[in-house]
Amino acid sequence: MTVRHSSYAELEAALLEIEQSPRERGTLSLIVRRPSTNERETLDAATLDVEEGLVGDRWAVGKRRRVNQLTLINTRLVAALTHDRERWSLAGDQLYVDFDLSAEHVPPGTRIRVGAAVIEVSPEPHTGCRKFAERYGLEAQRFISSERGLALSLRGINAWVVKGAEVRVGDEVVALFD
């Protein structure tokens, strides 16, 4: 099967749509659990836990640093990267949201409610890796690493669970501002 990667021009053209991501109330569009390296399970519901992150995800096995317990990515960006929704989960993130994840909108320390769970945005940036470039192309890597891509947090954000709960596809995503 031949995989077509989006060109830089196609990704730039998608910026208008990406920048229109909801800021007030977004939606959890996809949940992906990674039980082991390069393995993905698409779920309708999952439990977010303060200690384990997304229950059953490989993050809990190595107990990596809590600042990258969860990763979130914008669905509008993923849709622009791939022309097949089946390839979305290859990004390697757990929560795919139709929500503005820009640093201006949800800076580090911001709490976000996903359904009944609450997560906190990490100060550690989420950056693309070699696998991301292999799966979506070098132009995608260059795009998310551009000045605008970094400002919009197009590669996504790291977060940790503050209040655990079950989350479901379709749940509301809302930034909690004091």
N, C-alpha and C. Protein backbone atom coordinates (compact mmCIF):
# COMPACT_ATOMS: atom_id res chain seq x y z
N MET A 1 0.84 -1.17 0.00
CA MET A 1 0.00 0.00 0.00
C MET A 1 0.89 1.24 0.00
N THR A 2 0.63 2.15 -0.91
CA THR A 2 1.37 3.40 -0.99
C THR A 2 0.69 4.43 -0.09
N VAL A 3 1.50 5.07 0.74
CA VAL A 3 0.99 6.10 1.63
C VAL A 3 1.37 7.45 1.06
N ARG A 4 0.39 8.33 0.93
CA ARG A 4 0.65 9.67 0.41
C ARG A 4 0.78 10.63 1.58
N HIS A 5 1.90 11.32 1.63
CA HIS A 5 2.13 12.32 2.66
C HIS A 5 1.69 13.69 2.14
N SER A 6 1.14 14.49 3.03
CA SER A 6 0.76 15.85 2.66
C SER A 6 2.01 16.69 2.41
N SER A 7 1.90 17.56 1.44
CA SER A 7 3.01 18.48 1.15
C SER A 7 2.97 19.64 2.13
N TYR A 8 4.06 20.37 2.20
CA TYR A 8 4.12 21.55 3.08
C TYR A 8 3.04 22.55 2.65
N ALA A 9 2.86 22.73 1.35
CA ALA A 9 1.84 23.66 0.85
C ALA A 9 0.43 23.22 1.28
N GLU A 10 0.16 21.92 1.22
CA GLU A 10 -1.15 21.42 1.66
C GLU A 10 -1.35 21.68 3.16
N LEU A 11 -0.30 21.49 3.93
CA LEU A 11 -0.40 21.71 5.37
C LEU A 11 -0.58 23.19 5.68
N GLU A 12 0.13 24.05 4.97
CA GLU A 12 -0.07 25.49 5.14
C GLU A 12 -1.50 25.89 4.80
N ALA A 13 -2.06 25.29 3.75
CA ALA A 13 -3.44 25.59 3.36
C ALA A 13 -4.43 25.15 4.43
N ALA A 14 -4.07 24.14 5.21
CA ALA A 14 -4.95 23.64 6.28
C ALA A 14 -4.89 24.51 7.54
N LEU A 15 -3.93 25.45 7.60
CA LEU A 15 -3.77 26.27 8.80
C LEU A 15 -5.03 27.02 9.19
N LEU A 16 -5.75 27.57 8.22
CA LEU A 16 -6.98 28.31 8.53
C LEU A 16 -7.96 27.42 9.28
N GLU A 17 -8.14 26.20 8.81
CA GLU A 17 -9.04 25.25 9.48
C GLU A 17 -8.52 24.88 10.87
N ILE A 18 -7.24 24.65 11.00
CA ILE A 18 -6.64 24.28 12.29
C ILE A 18 -6.80 25.43 13.28
N GLU A 19 -6.55 26.66 12.81
CA GLU A 19 -6.66 27.83 13.69
C GLU A 19 -8.08 28.11 14.13
N GLN A 20 -9.06 27.50 13.50
CA GLN A 20 -10.46 27.67 13.90
C GLN A 20 -10.91 26.60 14.90
N SER A 21 -9.97 25.84 15.43
CA SER A 21 -10.30 24.84 16.45
C SER A 21 -11.00 25.52 17.61
N PRO A 22 -11.99 24.85 18.20
CA PRO A 22 -12.74 25.47 19.31
C PRO A 22 -11.85 25.86 20.48
N ARG A 23 -12.14 27.01 21.05
CA ARG A 23 -11.42 27.49 22.22
C ARG A 23 -12.28 27.35 23.48
N GLU A 24 -13.56 27.46 23.33
CA GLU A 24 -14.46 27.39 24.50
C GLU A 24 -14.77 25.95 24.88
N ARG A 25 -15.33 25.22 23.94
CA ARG A 25 -15.73 23.83 24.18
C ARG A 25 -15.33 22.98 22.99
N GLY A 26 -14.44 22.04 23.25
CA GLY A 26 -14.00 21.14 22.20
C GLY A 26 -14.58 19.75 22.42
N THR A 27 -14.04 18.79 21.67
CA THR A 27 -14.55 17.42 21.72
C THR A 27 -13.40 16.43 21.71
N LEU A 28 -13.53 15.39 22.52
CA LEU A 28 -12.59 14.26 22.48
C LEU A 28 -13.02 13.39 21.30
N SER A 29 -12.18 13.31 20.28
CA SER A 29 -12.54 12.63 19.03
C SER A 29 -12.02 11.20 18.93
N LEU A 30 -10.90 10.91 19.60
CA LEU A 30 -10.30 9.59 19.49
C LEU A 30 -9.47 9.32 20.74
N ILE A 31 -9.52 8.09 21.22
CA ILE A 31 -8.70 7.64 22.35
C ILE A 31 -7.86 6.48 21.85
N VAL A 32 -6.55 6.56 22.08
CA VAL A 32 -5.65 5.50 21.63
C VAL A 32 -4.80 5.04 22.81
N ARG A 33 -4.85 3.75 23.06
CA ARG A 33 -3.99 3.15 24.09
C ARG A 33 -2.85 2.45 23.36
N ARG A 34 -1.65 2.57 23.93
CA ARG A 34 -0.45 1.97 23.35
C ARG A 34 0.05 0.91 24.33
N PRO A 35 -0.44 -0.32 24.23
CA PRO A 35 -0.04 -1.35 25.19
C PRO A 35 1.44 -1.72 25.13
N SER A 36 2.03 -1.62 23.95
CA SER A 36 3.47 -1.88 23.80
C SER A 36 3.96 -1.07 22.61
N THR A 37 5.26 -1.04 22.40
CA THR A 37 5.85 -0.26 21.33
C THR A 37 5.23 -0.61 19.98
N ASN A 38 4.84 0.42 19.25
CA ASN A 38 4.25 0.30 17.90
C ASN A 38 2.90 -0.43 17.87
N GLU A 39 2.28 -0.64 19.01
CA GLU A 39 0.95 -1.26 19.05
C GLU A 39 -0.06 -0.19 19.47
N ARG A 40 -1.22 -0.18 18.81
CA ARG A 40 -2.26 0.80 19.08
C ARG A 40 -3.61 0.12 19.24
N GLU A 41 -4.37 0.57 20.23
CA GLU A 41 -5.76 0.14 20.43
C GLU A 41 -6.63 1.38 20.44
N THR A 42 -7.55 1.45 19.50
CA THR A 42 -8.50 2.55 19.46
C THR A 42 -9.67 2.19 20.36
N LEU A 43 -9.99 3.09 21.28
CA LEU A 43 -11.01 2.82 22.30
C LEU A 43 -12.17 3.80 22.21
N ASP A 44 -13.35 3.34 22.63
CA ASP A 44 -14.50 4.24 22.77
C ASP A 44 -14.48 4.92 24.12
N ALA A 45 -13.88 4.25 25.12
CA ALA A 45 -13.79 4.79 26.48
C ALA A 45 -12.50 4.28 27.12
N ALA A 46 -11.99 5.06 28.07
CA ALA A 46 -10.78 4.67 28.80
C ALA A 46 -10.80 5.36 30.15
N THR A 47 -10.00 4.84 31.05
CA THR A 47 -9.87 5.45 32.37
C THR A 47 -8.57 6.22 32.44
N LEU A 48 -8.69 7.48 32.87
CA LEU A 48 -7.51 8.29 33.16
C LEU A 48 -7.29 8.22 34.66
N ASP A 49 -6.08 7.89 35.06
CA ASP A 49 -5.74 7.67 36.47
C ASP A 49 -4.56 8.56 36.85
N VAL A 50 -4.61 9.12 38.06
CA VAL A 50 -3.56 10.01 38.53
C VAL A 50 -2.19 9.34 38.52
N GLU A 51 -2.12 8.08 38.87
CA GLU A 51 -0.84 7.36 38.93
C GLU A 51 -0.44 6.73 37.60
N GLU A 52 -1.41 6.17 36.88
CA GLU A 52 -1.11 5.39 35.68
C GLU A 52 -1.26 6.14 34.37
N GLY A 53 -1.86 7.32 34.40
CA GLY A 53 -2.16 8.01 33.14
C GLY A 53 -3.36 7.33 32.50
N LEU A 54 -3.27 6.99 31.23
CA LEU A 54 -4.33 6.23 30.57
C LEU A 54 -4.12 4.76 30.94
N VAL A 55 -5.06 4.20 31.67
CA VAL A 55 -4.90 2.84 32.19
C VAL A 55 -4.71 1.85 31.03
N GLY A 56 -3.64 1.04 31.16
CA GLY A 56 -3.31 0.05 30.14
C GLY A 56 -2.33 0.55 29.10
N ASP A 57 -1.97 1.84 29.15
CA ASP A 57 -1.01 2.40 28.21
C ASP A 57 0.40 2.06 28.68
N ARG A 58 1.32 1.92 27.74
CA ARG A 58 2.68 1.52 28.08
C ARG A 58 3.41 2.57 28.91
N TRP A 59 2.93 3.82 28.97
CA TRP A 59 3.59 4.84 29.78
C TRP A 59 3.73 4.34 31.22
N ALA A 60 2.68 3.72 31.75
CA ALA A 60 2.68 3.28 33.15
C ALA A 60 3.71 2.17 33.41
N VAL A 61 4.04 1.40 32.40
CA VAL A 61 4.99 0.29 32.58
C VAL A 61 6.36 0.82 32.99
N GLY A 62 6.86 1.84 32.29
CA GLY A 62 8.17 2.39 32.60
C GLY A 62 8.11 3.51 33.61
N LYS A 63 6.89 3.93 33.99
CA LYS A 63 6.70 5.04 34.92
C LYS A 63 7.63 6.20 34.56
N ARG A 64 7.48 6.64 33.34
CA ARG A 64 8.27 7.77 32.89
C ARG A 64 7.93 9.00 33.73
N ARG A 65 8.58 10.09 33.44
CA ARG A 65 8.31 11.31 34.20
C ARG A 65 6.85 11.73 34.05
N ARG A 66 6.26 12.17 35.14
CA ARG A 66 4.83 12.49 35.15
C ARG A 66 4.48 13.60 34.16
N VAL A 67 5.43 14.47 33.84
CA VAL A 67 5.14 15.60 32.95
C VAL A 67 4.73 15.16 31.54
N ASN A 68 5.03 13.92 31.18
CA ASN A 68 4.60 13.43 29.86
C ASN A 68 3.75 12.17 30.00
N GLN A 69 2.92 12.15 31.02
CA GLN A 69 2.04 11.01 31.30
C GLN A 69 1.03 10.81 30.17
N LEU A 70 0.53 11.91 29.61
CA LEU A 70 -0.43 11.88 28.50
C LEU A 70 0.04 12.82 27.40
N THR A 71 -0.36 12.53 26.18
CA THR A 71 -0.16 13.49 25.10
C THR A 71 -1.48 13.70 24.40
N LEU A 72 -1.73 14.94 24.02
CA LEU A 72 -2.93 15.32 23.29
C LEU A 72 -2.49 15.93 21.97
N ILE A 73 -3.28 15.69 20.93
CA ILE A 73 -3.00 16.27 19.62
C ILE A 73 -4.32 16.76 19.03
N ASN A 74 -4.21 17.79 18.21
CA ASN A 74 -5.38 18.40 17.56
C ASN A 74 -5.80 17.55 16.36
N THR A 75 -7.08 17.20 16.32
CA THR A 75 -7.58 16.34 15.24
C THR A 75 -7.54 17.02 13.88
N ARG A 76 -7.66 18.34 13.86
CA ARG A 76 -7.63 19.04 12.57
C ARG A 76 -6.24 18.94 11.94
N LEU A 77 -5.22 18.97 12.79
CA LEU A 77 -3.86 18.78 12.28
C LEU A 77 -3.68 17.36 11.76
N VAL A 78 -4.13 16.37 12.54
CA VAL A 78 -3.96 14.97 12.13
C VAL A 78 -4.72 14.71 10.83
N ALA A 79 -5.89 15.30 10.68
CA ALA A 79 -6.66 15.13 9.44
C ALA A 79 -5.90 15.71 8.25
N ALA A 80 -5.19 16.81 8.47
CA ALA A 80 -4.40 17.41 7.39
C ALA A 80 -3.16 16.57 7.05
N LEU A 81 -2.63 15.87 8.05
CA LEU A 81 -1.43 15.05 7.85
C LEU A 81 -1.72 13.79 7.05
N THR A 82 -2.87 13.20 7.30
CA THR A 82 -3.17 11.90 6.70
C THR A 82 -4.49 11.96 5.96
N HIS A 83 -4.59 11.20 4.95
CA HIS A 83 -5.80 11.17 4.13
C HIS A 83 -6.63 9.93 4.44
N ASP A 84 -6.32 9.31 5.56
CA ASP A 84 -6.98 8.09 5.98
C ASP A 84 -7.07 8.09 7.50
N ARG A 85 -8.28 8.18 8.05
CA ARG A 85 -8.46 8.25 9.50
C ARG A 85 -7.84 7.04 10.21
N GLU A 86 -7.72 5.93 9.53
CA GLU A 86 -7.10 4.74 10.13
C GLU A 86 -5.63 4.99 10.51
N ARG A 87 -5.03 6.00 9.89
CA ARG A 87 -3.62 6.31 10.17
C ARG A 87 -3.44 7.35 11.28
N TRP A 88 -4.53 7.89 11.80
CA TRP A 88 -4.43 8.90 12.85
C TRP A 88 -3.64 8.38 14.05
N SER A 89 -3.95 7.17 14.49
CA SER A 89 -3.36 6.66 15.73
C SER A 89 -1.84 6.50 15.65
N LEU A 90 -1.29 6.51 14.45
CA LEU A 90 0.16 6.38 14.30
C LEU A 90 0.92 7.57 14.89
N ALA A 91 0.22 8.68 15.14
CA ALA A 91 0.88 9.84 15.74
C ALA A 91 1.45 9.48 17.11
N GLY A 92 0.85 8.49 17.77
CA GLY A 92 1.38 8.04 19.05
C GLY A 92 0.82 8.74 20.26
N ASP A 93 -0.16 9.59 20.06
CA ASP A 93 -0.79 10.30 21.17
C ASP A 93 -1.95 9.48 21.71
N GLN A 94 -2.38 9.79 22.94
CA GLN A 94 -3.49 9.05 23.53
C GLN A 94 -4.84 9.74 23.32
N LEU A 95 -4.85 11.07 23.42
CA LEU A 95 -6.11 11.81 23.30
C LEU A 95 -6.06 12.74 22.09
N TYR A 96 -7.01 12.56 21.19
CA TYR A 96 -7.12 13.34 19.96
C TYR A 96 -8.32 14.25 20.14
N VAL A 97 -8.08 15.55 20.13
CA VAL A 97 -9.12 16.50 20.48
C VAL A 97 -9.34 17.54 19.39
N ASP A 98 -10.58 17.92 19.21
CA ASP A 98 -10.91 19.07 18.37
C ASP A 98 -10.98 20.24 19.34
N PHE A 99 -9.81 20.85 19.58
CA PHE A 99 -9.67 21.88 20.60
C PHE A 99 -8.37 22.64 20.36
N ASP A 100 -8.36 23.92 20.62
CA ASP A 100 -7.17 24.75 20.44
C ASP A 100 -6.14 24.41 21.52
N LEU A 101 -5.04 23.83 21.12
CA LEU A 101 -3.97 23.45 22.04
C LEU A 101 -2.80 24.42 22.00
N SER A 102 -2.99 25.58 21.40
CA SER A 102 -1.89 26.54 21.26
C SER A 102 -1.38 26.98 22.63
N ALA A 103 -0.10 27.33 22.65
CA ALA A 103 0.54 27.79 23.89
C ALA A 103 -0.13 29.05 24.42
N GLU A 104 -0.65 29.87 23.54
CA GLU A 104 -1.34 31.09 23.96
C GLU A 104 -2.66 30.75 24.66
N HIS A 105 -3.36 29.74 24.17
CA HIS A 105 -4.67 29.38 24.73
C HIS A 105 -4.54 28.52 25.99
N VAL A 106 -3.71 27.50 25.96
CA VAL A 106 -3.55 26.61 27.12
C VAL A 106 -2.06 26.49 27.48
N PRO A 107 -1.51 27.54 28.08
CA PRO A 107 -0.09 27.50 28.46
C PRO A 107 0.16 26.47 29.55
N PRO A 108 1.43 26.13 29.80
CA PRO A 108 1.74 25.20 30.88
C PRO A 108 1.07 25.63 32.19
N GLY A 109 0.56 24.64 32.90
CA GLY A 109 -0.15 24.89 34.15
C GLY A 109 -1.66 24.98 34.00
N THR A 110 -2.13 25.14 32.75
CA THR A 110 -3.57 25.20 32.51
C THR A 110 -4.19 23.84 32.77
N ARG A 111 -5.30 23.84 33.44
CA ARG A 111 -6.05 22.59 33.64
C ARG A 111 -7.14 22.49 32.59
N ILE A 112 -7.31 21.28 32.09
CA ILE A 112 -8.30 21.01 31.04
C ILE A 112 -9.19 19.88 31.52
N ARG A 113 -10.50 20.11 31.43
CA ARG A 113 -11.45 19.04 31.77
C ARG A 113 -11.76 18.28 30.50
N VAL A 114 -11.60 16.96 30.58
CA VAL A 114 -11.96 16.05 29.49
C VAL A 114 -13.02 15.14 30.08
N GLY A 115 -14.29 15.34 29.70
CA GLY A 115 -15.36 14.62 30.37
C GLY A 115 -15.32 14.97 31.85
N ALA A 116 -15.26 13.96 32.71
CA ALA A 116 -15.20 14.18 34.16
C ALA A 116 -13.76 14.22 34.68
N ALA A 117 -12.78 13.91 33.84
CA ALA A 117 -11.37 13.92 34.25
C ALA A 117 -10.80 15.33 34.12
N VAL A 118 -9.73 15.60 34.87
CA VAL A 118 -9.02 16.88 34.75
C VAL A 118 -7.54 16.57 34.56
N ILE A 119 -6.95 17.23 33.57
CA ILE A 119 -5.52 17.08 33.30
C ILE A 119 -4.86 18.45 33.38
N GLU A 120 -3.55 18.46 33.53
CA GLU A 120 -2.81 19.72 33.57
C GLU A 120 -1.74 19.73 32.48
N VAL A 121 -1.66 20.86 31.77
CA VAL A 121 -0.68 21.01 30.69
C VAL A 121 0.72 21.10 31.28
N SER A 122 1.60 20.31 30.75
CA SER A 122 2.99 20.23 31.20
C SER A 122 3.82 21.37 30.63
N PRO A 123 4.86 21.78 31.37
CA PRO A 123 5.78 22.77 30.81
C PRO A 123 6.73 22.15 29.77
N GLU A 124 6.80 20.82 29.73
CA GLU A 124 7.68 20.14 28.78
C GLU A 124 7.01 20.10 27.41
N PRO A 125 7.64 20.68 26.38
CA PRO A 125 7.02 20.67 25.06
C PRO A 125 6.99 19.26 24.45
N HIS A 126 5.99 19.04 23.64
CA HIS A 126 5.86 17.78 22.91
C HIS A 126 6.40 18.04 21.51
N THR A 127 7.46 17.34 21.14
CA THR A 127 8.09 17.59 19.85
C THR A 127 8.01 16.33 18.98
N GLY A 128 8.08 16.53 17.71
CA GLY A 128 8.04 15.40 16.79
C GLY A 128 9.33 14.59 16.86
N CYS A 129 9.22 13.32 16.59
CA CYS A 129 10.39 12.44 16.64
C CYS A 129 10.59 11.79 15.27
N ARG A 130 11.60 10.98 15.20
CA ARG A 130 11.92 10.26 13.96
C ARG A 130 10.72 9.46 13.47
N LYS A 131 10.01 8.79 14.39
CA LYS A 131 8.86 7.97 13.99
C LYS A 131 7.75 8.84 13.39
N PHE A 132 7.55 10.03 13.94
CA PHE A 132 6.53 10.94 13.41
C PHE A 132 6.88 11.29 11.96
N ALA A 133 8.14 11.63 11.71
CA ALA A 133 8.57 11.96 10.35
C ALA A 133 8.44 10.76 9.42
N GLU A 134 8.75 9.56 9.90
CA GLU A 134 8.61 8.36 9.07
C GLU A 134 7.16 8.10 8.71
N ARG A 135 6.27 8.33 9.64
CA ARG A 135 4.86 8.01 9.43
C ARG A 135 4.11 9.06 8.62
N TYR A 136 4.50 10.34 8.80
CA TYR A 136 3.76 11.43 8.15
C TYR A 136 4.59 12.24 7.16
N GLY A 137 5.88 11.98 7.09
CA GLY A 137 6.74 12.65 6.11
C GLY A 137 7.57 13.77 6.69
N LEU A 138 8.68 14.05 6.01
CA LEU A 138 9.59 15.11 6.45
C LEU A 138 8.94 16.49 6.38
N GLU A 139 8.04 16.69 5.41
CA GLU A 139 7.35 17.97 5.30
C GLU A 139 6.46 18.20 6.52
N ALA A 140 5.84 17.14 7.01
CA ALA A 140 5.01 17.25 8.22
C ALA A 140 5.87 17.62 9.42
N GLN A 141 7.03 16.99 9.54
CA GLN A 141 7.95 17.30 10.63
C GLN A 141 8.41 18.75 10.55
N ARG A 142 8.73 19.20 9.36
CA ARG A 142 9.16 20.59 9.16
C ARG A 142 8.02 21.56 9.49
N PHE A 143 6.80 21.21 9.11
CA PHE A 143 5.62 22.05 9.35
C PHE A 143 5.34 22.21 10.85
N ILE A 144 5.33 21.11 11.58
CA ILE A 144 5.02 21.21 13.02
C ILE A 144 6.15 21.89 13.78
N SER A 145 7.37 21.88 13.20
CA SER A 145 8.52 22.50 13.85
C SER A 145 8.74 23.95 13.42
N SER A 146 7.88 24.43 12.53
CA SER A 146 7.99 25.83 12.08
C SER A 146 7.61 26.76 13.22
N GLU A 147 7.92 28.02 13.08
CA GLU A 147 7.58 29.00 14.11
C GLU A 147 6.08 28.98 14.41
N ARG A 148 5.26 28.96 13.37
CA ARG A 148 3.79 28.93 13.55
C ARG A 148 3.36 27.59 14.14
N GLY A 149 3.96 26.51 13.68
CA GLY A 149 3.63 25.18 14.18
C GLY A 149 3.91 25.05 15.67
N LEU A 150 5.04 25.61 16.10
CA LEU A 150 5.38 25.57 17.53
C LEU A 150 4.43 26.44 18.36
N ALA A 151 4.09 27.62 17.84
CA ALA A 151 3.17 28.51 18.57
C ALA A 151 1.79 27.87 18.74
N LEU A 152 1.38 27.11 17.74
CA LEU A 152 0.06 26.44 17.80
C LEU A 152 0.13 25.08 18.50
N SER A 153 1.31 24.67 18.92
CA SER A 153 1.52 23.34 19.54
C SER A 153 0.98 22.25 18.62
N LEU A 154 1.34 22.34 17.35
CA LEU A 154 0.78 21.40 16.38
C LEU A 154 1.20 19.96 16.63
N ARG A 155 2.36 19.74 17.22
CA ARG A 155 2.72 18.36 17.55
C ARG A 155 1.92 17.87 18.74
N GLY A 156 1.26 18.78 19.41
CA GLY A 156 0.44 18.42 20.56
C GLY A 156 1.06 18.92 21.85
N ILE A 157 0.51 18.45 22.95
CA ILE A 157 0.98 18.87 24.27
C ILE A 157 1.13 17.67 25.18
N ASN A 158 2.04 17.80 26.12
CA ASN A 158 2.18 16.83 27.20
C ASN A 158 1.30 17.29 28.35
N ALA A 159 0.81 16.34 29.12
CA ALA A 159 -0.04 16.65 30.27
C ALA A 159 0.02 15.51 31.27
N TRP A 160 -0.53 15.75 32.44
CA TRP A 160 -0.68 14.68 33.43
C TRP A 160 -2.07 14.76 34.04
N VAL A 161 -2.49 13.65 34.62
CA VAL A 161 -3.83 13.54 35.18
C VAL A 161 -3.84 14.13 36.59
N VAL A 162 -4.78 15.04 36.84
CA VAL A 162 -4.96 15.67 38.14
C VAL A 162 -6.15 15.03 38.86
N LYS A 163 -7.20 14.74 38.09
CA LYS A 163 -8.40 14.08 38.63
C LYS A 163 -8.79 12.98 37.66
N GLY A 164 -8.69 11.75 38.13
CA GLY A 164 -9.00 10.61 37.28
C GLY A 164 -10.49 10.40 37.10
N ALA A 165 -10.84 9.81 35.97
CA ALA A 165 -12.23 9.47 35.65
C ALA A 165 -12.23 8.72 34.32
N GLU A 166 -13.37 8.12 34.00
CA GLU A 166 -13.52 7.52 32.68
C GLU A 166 -13.79 8.63 31.68
N VAL A 167 -13.16 8.53 30.51
CA VAL A 167 -13.42 9.46 29.42
C VAL A 167 -13.94 8.65 28.24
N ARG A 168 -14.77 9.31 27.44
CA ARG A 168 -15.39 8.65 26.30
C ARG A 168 -15.25 9.53 25.06
N VAL A 169 -15.13 8.90 23.90
CA VAL A 169 -15.16 9.64 22.65
C VAL A 169 -16.47 10.44 22.63
N GLY A 170 -16.37 11.71 22.29
CA GLY A 170 -17.53 12.60 22.28
C GLY A 170 -17.60 13.48 23.52
N ASP A 171 -16.78 13.17 24.54
CA ASP A 171 -16.77 14.01 25.75
C ASP A 171 -16.33 15.42 25.41
N GLU A 172 -16.82 16.34 26.22
CA GLU A 172 -16.47 17.74 26.08
C GLU A 172 -15.07 18.01 26.62
N VAL A 173 -14.35 18.90 25.96
CA VAL A 173 -13.01 19.30 26.37
C VAL A 173 -13.08 20.82 26.64
N VAL A 174 -12.73 21.21 27.88
CA VAL A 174 -12.85 22.62 28.27
C VAL A 174 -11.64 23.03 29.10
N ALA A 175 -11.04 24.17 28.77
CA ALA A 175 -9.95 24.72 29.60
C ALA A 175 -10.58 25.35 30.83
N LEU A 176 -9.98 25.08 31.99
CA LEU A 176 -10.47 25.61 33.26
C LEU A 176 -9.59 26.78 33.66
N PHE A 177 -10.12 27.97 33.50
CA PHE A 177 -9.37 29.17 33.87
C PHE A 177 -9.89 29.68 35.21
N ASP A 178 -8.96 30.15 36.04
CA ASP A 178 -9.35 30.68 37.36
C ASP A 178 -10.16 31.95 37.24
